C-alpha cells in the first residue's frame, strides 16, 4: 500500500499546507512517516500549597509543565520568580529569581536550542533534575537569599505527556519565606509566583500565588549519657 500525507496549518489566519510525503511501507515508522504535532507549552499549578514528597524533608511545589508535543525535546528554559510581601518583623519581604538551567551568577542566558556540535545541550526533558541558586539582575537586588532550588521535570506517562514536575524549595529557615497564615486573616501573606516556560514553539507565562506552610525545624541536636543511658536532645521550632 502506498499513501501520501500532508498537514494543513494556519499562520496569521492564512492557511498553509505542507508538501505531501509518500509512505511506501505503513508498517515501518520512520522520520518520514510521522509528524510531531506540537504547540505553545502551558503551565498549571495543581496545588495551592507545597507538599512533602517521600524521602524529602523540604517543601515541594507541584507544577504541571506541559511541553505540548515536544516532550522528547524538552524545554529550553524555565524561569521562576517567587516574592513574599514584607511584614512588621521583616519589612523588606523575601524574593528569589530562579533560572533553569542556570548559566552563572547573573540573570543572563541564551534562550535558544543549540544544534549538534554547537555546544552543551541545555534542554530540560523528562526526568531531568537541575539545581539553581537565586540570581540577581544587574544593579538590582532581586534575590535576598542564597539557597539552592531543584526543578525536576516529570517523566512521560502513557498519555505521552509529562507527569507533574516538582520545585524542591529550601526549608523556611533557609529560604526566608515565612508561613502564609490563614486566608482572610490580618497576617495572611501568600507567596506570589511567576513561571516562564519556553520551548522552541513558544513561551507561556503563569502568575498567581500559593500559601507557604513552614515545616517544624529541629536544631541544637546533641547526645548525652547519664548512668550509662544515652539521650538525644534537641529543640523543635514550630511551623
Protein backbone atom coordinates (compact mmCIF):
# COMPACT_ATOMS: atom_id res chain seq x y z
CA UNK A 1 0.00 0.00 0.00
CA UNK A 2 1.19 3.50 -0.83
CA UNK A 3 -0.22 6.57 0.84
CA UNK A 4 0.57 10.24 0.86
CA UNK A 5 0.11 12.55 3.85
CA UNK A 6 0.21 16.28 4.36
CA UNK A 7 -0.90 18.73 7.05
CA UNK A 8 -2.86 21.97 6.81
CA UNK A 9 -1.78 24.64 9.28
CA UNK A 10 -2.59 28.29 9.81
CA UNK A 11 -0.23 31.26 10.21
CA UNK A 12 -1.81 34.65 10.93
CA UNK A 13 -5.18 33.42 9.62
CA UNK A 14 -3.56 32.27 6.36
CA UNK A 15 -3.90 28.54 5.66
CA UNK A 16 -0.72 26.77 4.58
CA UNK A 17 -0.10 23.21 3.51
CA UNK A 18 2.96 21.00 3.84
CA UNK A 19 4.20 19.09 0.84
CA UNK A 20 2.93 15.52 0.68
CA UNK A 21 5.18 12.70 1.78
CA UNK A 22 4.91 9.27 0.15
CA UNK A 23 4.98 6.37 2.59
CA UNK A 24 5.69 3.06 0.92
CA UNK A 25 5.59 0.76 3.94
CA UNK A 26 2.92 1.62 6.50
CA UNK A 27 4.26 -0.96 8.96
CA UNK A 28 7.59 0.86 9.30
CA UNK A 29 7.78 4.08 11.26
CA UNK A 30 10.49 6.45 10.12
CA UNK A 31 11.08 10.16 10.43
CA UNK A 32 9.32 10.50 7.06
CA UNK A 33 6.21 8.58 8.10
CA UNK A 34 5.29 10.50 11.25
CA UNK A 35 4.51 14.04 12.26
CA UNK A 36 5.02 15.54 15.69
CA UNK A 37 2.07 17.81 16.39
CA UNK A 38 3.12 20.45 18.90
CA UNK A 39 2.09 23.85 20.11
CA UNK A 40 2.99 26.51 22.70
CA UNK A 41 3.66 24.94 26.13
CA UNK A 42 1.41 25.52 29.13
CA UNK A 43 1.74 25.76 32.91
CA UNK A 44 -0.66 24.80 35.67
CA UNK A 45 -0.34 24.75 39.46
CA UNK A 46 -2.02 21.52 40.69
CA UNK A 47 -1.79 22.50 44.37
CA UNK A 48 -2.07 25.86 46.13
CA UNK A 49 0.28 24.72 48.89
CA UNK A 50 3.68 22.97 48.84
CA UNK A 51 3.64 19.25 49.57
CA UNK A 52 6.00 16.79 51.20
CA UNK A 53 7.34 14.01 48.99
CA UNK A 54 8.50 10.64 50.26
CA UNK A 55 12.15 10.73 51.30
CA UNK A 56 12.30 14.55 51.28
CA UNK A 57 12.12 16.98 54.17
CA UNK A 58 11.79 20.26 52.23
CA UNK A 59 8.52 21.77 50.95
CA UNK A 60 7.93 20.99 47.28
CA UNK A 61 5.73 22.86 44.81
CA UNK A 62 3.93 20.77 42.20
CA UNK A 63 4.00 22.13 38.65
CA UNK A 64 2.21 20.80 35.60
CA UNK A 65 4.73 21.76 32.89
CA UNK A 66 3.17 20.64 29.61
CA UNK A 67 5.52 20.56 26.62
CA UNK A 68 2.52 20.11 24.26
CA UNK A 69 4.13 17.57 21.93
CA UNK A 70 7.81 18.38 22.48
CA UNK A 71 8.29 16.01 25.42
CA UNK A 72 11.22 14.21 23.77
CA UNK A 73 12.88 17.52 23.02
CA UNK A 74 12.17 19.20 26.34
CA UNK A 75 12.24 22.82 27.50
CA UNK A 76 14.78 25.46 26.57
CA UNK A 77 14.40 27.18 29.92
CA UNK A 78 12.17 27.52 32.97
CA UNK A 79 12.26 30.83 34.86
CA UNK A 80 10.65 31.08 38.31
CA UNK A 81 10.17 34.28 40.32
CA UNK A 82 8.99 33.98 43.95
CA UNK A 83 8.13 37.01 46.11
CA UNK A 84 6.57 37.49 49.52
CA UNK A 85 5.41 40.85 50.86
CA UNK A 86 7.09 42.40 53.85
CA UNK A 87 5.79 42.09 57.40
CA UNK A 88 6.28 44.08 60.58
CA UNK A 89 9.04 41.65 61.56
CA UNK A 90 10.56 41.59 58.07
CA UNK A 91 9.71 44.82 56.18
CA UNK A 92 11.94 44.01 53.18
CA UNK A 93 10.00 40.85 52.38
CA UNK A 94 11.59 37.96 50.51
CA UNK A 95 12.21 37.20 46.83
CA UNK A 96 14.05 34.72 44.65
CA UNK A 97 14.76 34.70 40.90
CA UNK A 98 15.50 31.21 39.55
CA UNK A 99 16.61 30.21 36.05
CA UNK A 100 16.78 26.55 34.97
CA UNK A 101 19.29 25.71 33.64
CA UNK A 102 21.43 28.32 35.34
CA UNK A 103 24.33 29.88 33.45
CA UNK A 104 26.20 31.53 36.29
CA UNK A 105 25.58 34.10 38.97
CA UNK A 106 23.71 36.72 36.94
CA UNK A 107 20.40 36.79 35.08
CA UNK A 108 21.88 36.15 31.64
CA UNK A 109 21.27 33.09 29.48
CA UNK A 110 20.96 32.10 25.83
CA UNK A 111 17.33 31.21 25.20
CA UNK A 112 17.99 29.09 22.10
CA UNK A 113 18.39 25.41 21.30
CA UNK A 114 21.97 24.69 20.31
CA UNK A 115 22.50 22.46 17.31
CA UNK A 116 24.66 19.37 17.14
CA UNK A 117 28.27 20.23 17.91
CA UNK A 118 27.35 23.84 18.76
CA UNK A 119 27.82 23.48 22.49
CA UNK A 120 26.28 21.84 25.55
CA UNK A 121 22.67 20.70 25.31
CA UNK A 122 20.77 22.98 27.66
CA UNK A 123 17.39 21.35 27.19
CA UNK A 124 15.46 20.06 30.22
CA UNK A 125 13.49 16.93 29.36
CA UNK A 126 11.51 14.28 31.24
CA UNK A 127 13.14 13.05 34.44
CA UNK A 128 15.90 15.69 34.37
CA UNK A 129 16.75 17.43 37.65
CA UNK A 130 18.51 20.79 37.59
CA UNK A 131 19.57 22.93 40.53
CA UNK A 132 19.78 26.72 40.60
CA UNK A 133 20.81 29.35 43.11
CA UNK A 134 18.73 32.55 43.26
CA UNK A 135 20.13 35.11 40.82
CA UNK A 136 20.33 38.89 40.76
CA UNK A 137 19.60 41.31 37.93
CA UNK A 138 22.39 43.84 37.34
CA UNK A 139 22.03 46.88 39.61
CA UNK A 140 19.03 45.36 41.37
CA UNK A 141 18.93 43.17 44.46
CA UNK A 142 16.35 40.74 43.11
CA UNK A 143 17.21 37.78 45.33
CA UNK A 144 17.62 38.06 49.08
CA UNK A 145 18.86 34.53 49.73
CA UNK A 146 21.45 32.07 48.54
CA UNK A 147 19.99 28.59 48.97
CA UNK A 148 19.54 26.16 46.11
CA UNK A 149 16.26 25.12 44.48
CA UNK A 150 15.87 21.94 42.43
CA UNK A 151 13.49 21.58 39.48
CA UNK A 152 12.65 18.02 38.38
CA UNK A 153 10.66 17.55 35.19
CA UNK A 154 8.13 14.71 35.31
CA UNK A 155 8.60 11.58 33.24
CA UNK A 156 6.48 10.86 30.14
CA UNK A 157 3.29 8.98 31.01
CA UNK A 158 1.03 6.71 28.98
CA UNK A 159 -0.72 9.78 27.57
CA UNK A 160 2.55 10.99 26.05
CA UNK A 161 2.71 13.98 28.40
CA UNK A 162 4.93 14.77 31.37
CA UNK A 163 3.66 13.85 34.80
CA UNK A 164 3.81 16.54 37.46
CA UNK A 165 7.12 18.36 37.77
CA UNK A 166 8.42 19.49 41.16
CA UNK A 167 10.21 22.54 42.52
CA UNK A 168 12.01 21.49 45.69
CA UNK A 169 12.48 24.55 47.89
CA UNK A 170 14.72 25.16 50.91
CA UNK A 171 13.18 24.95 54.35
CA UNK A 172 11.63 28.11 55.76
CA UNK A 173 14.71 28.64 57.92
CA UNK A 174 16.98 28.68 54.84
CA UNK A 175 14.69 30.32 52.26
CA UNK A 176 13.46 33.20 54.40
CA UNK A 177 9.86 32.66 53.28
CA UNK A 178 7.50 32.58 56.25
CA UNK A 179 4.22 30.84 56.93
CA UNK A 180 1.49 32.48 54.83
CA UNK A 181 -1.09 32.29 57.60
CA UNK A 182 -4.81 31.70 57.16
CA UNK A 183 -6.67 33.27 54.21
CA UNK A 184 -8.72 36.25 55.34
CA UNK A 185 -6.65 36.86 58.46
CA UNK A 186 -4.80 40.12 59.11
CA UNK A 187 -1.42 38.41 58.79
CA UNK A 188 -2.24 36.49 55.59
CA UNK A 189 0.86 36.71 53.39
CA UNK A 190 0.97 34.21 50.47
CA UNK A 191 3.88 33.83 48.06
CA UNK A 192 3.45 35.36 44.62
CA UNK A 193 4.88 33.36 41.75
CA UNK A 194 5.66 33.81 38.06
CA UNK A 195 6.72 30.86 35.89
CA UNK A 196 8.03 31.42 32.36
CA UNK A 197 8.22 28.22 30.30
CA UNK A 198 9.95 28.18 26.91
CA UNK A 199 10.24 25.62 24.12
CA UNK A 200 11.18 26.27 20.51
CA UNK A 201 7.45 26.54 19.76
CA UNK A 202 6.98 29.50 22.09
CA UNK A 203 6.64 30.72 25.67
CA UNK A 204 3.90 30.53 28.28
CA UNK A 205 3.72 32.71 31.39
CA UNK A 206 1.77 31.78 34.52
CA UNK A 207 1.29 34.09 37.52
CA UNK A 208 -0.56 33.60 40.76
CA UNK A 209 0.01 32.87 44.43
CA UNK A 210 0.29 29.91 46.76
CA UNK A 211 0.21 29.51 50.51
CA UNK A 212 3.56 28.63 52.03
CA UNK A 213 3.38 26.33 55.04
CA UNK A 214 6.51 26.32 57.14
CA UNK A 215 7.64 22.96 58.46
CA UNK A 216 8.80 22.34 62.03
CA UNK A 217 12.57 22.63 62.37
CA UNK A 218 14.87 20.65 64.65
CA UNK A 219 18.09 22.21 65.92
CA UNK A 220 20.64 22.06 68.74
CA UNK A 221 20.88 18.28 68.47
CA UNK A 222 23.29 16.68 70.95
CA UNK A 223 23.79 13.31 72.62
CA UNK A 224 24.34 12.96 76.34
CA UNK A 225 24.78 10.00 78.66
CA UNK A 226 23.52 9.58 82.19
CA UNK A 227 24.10 6.42 84.24
CA UNK A 228 25.00 4.52 81.09
CA UNK A 229 21.86 5.64 79.22
CA UNK A 230 22.21 7.67 76.02
CA UNK A 231 19.83 10.52 75.27
CA UNK A 232 19.33 12.57 72.13
CA UNK A 233 18.45 16.15 73.00
CA UNK A 234 17.06 18.65 70.51
CA UNK A 235 14.82 21.69 70.17
CA UNK A 236 11.77 21.72 67.92
CA UNK A 237 10.75 25.06 66.43
CA UNK A 238 7.05 25.04 65.46
CA UNK A 239 5.98 25.85 61.92
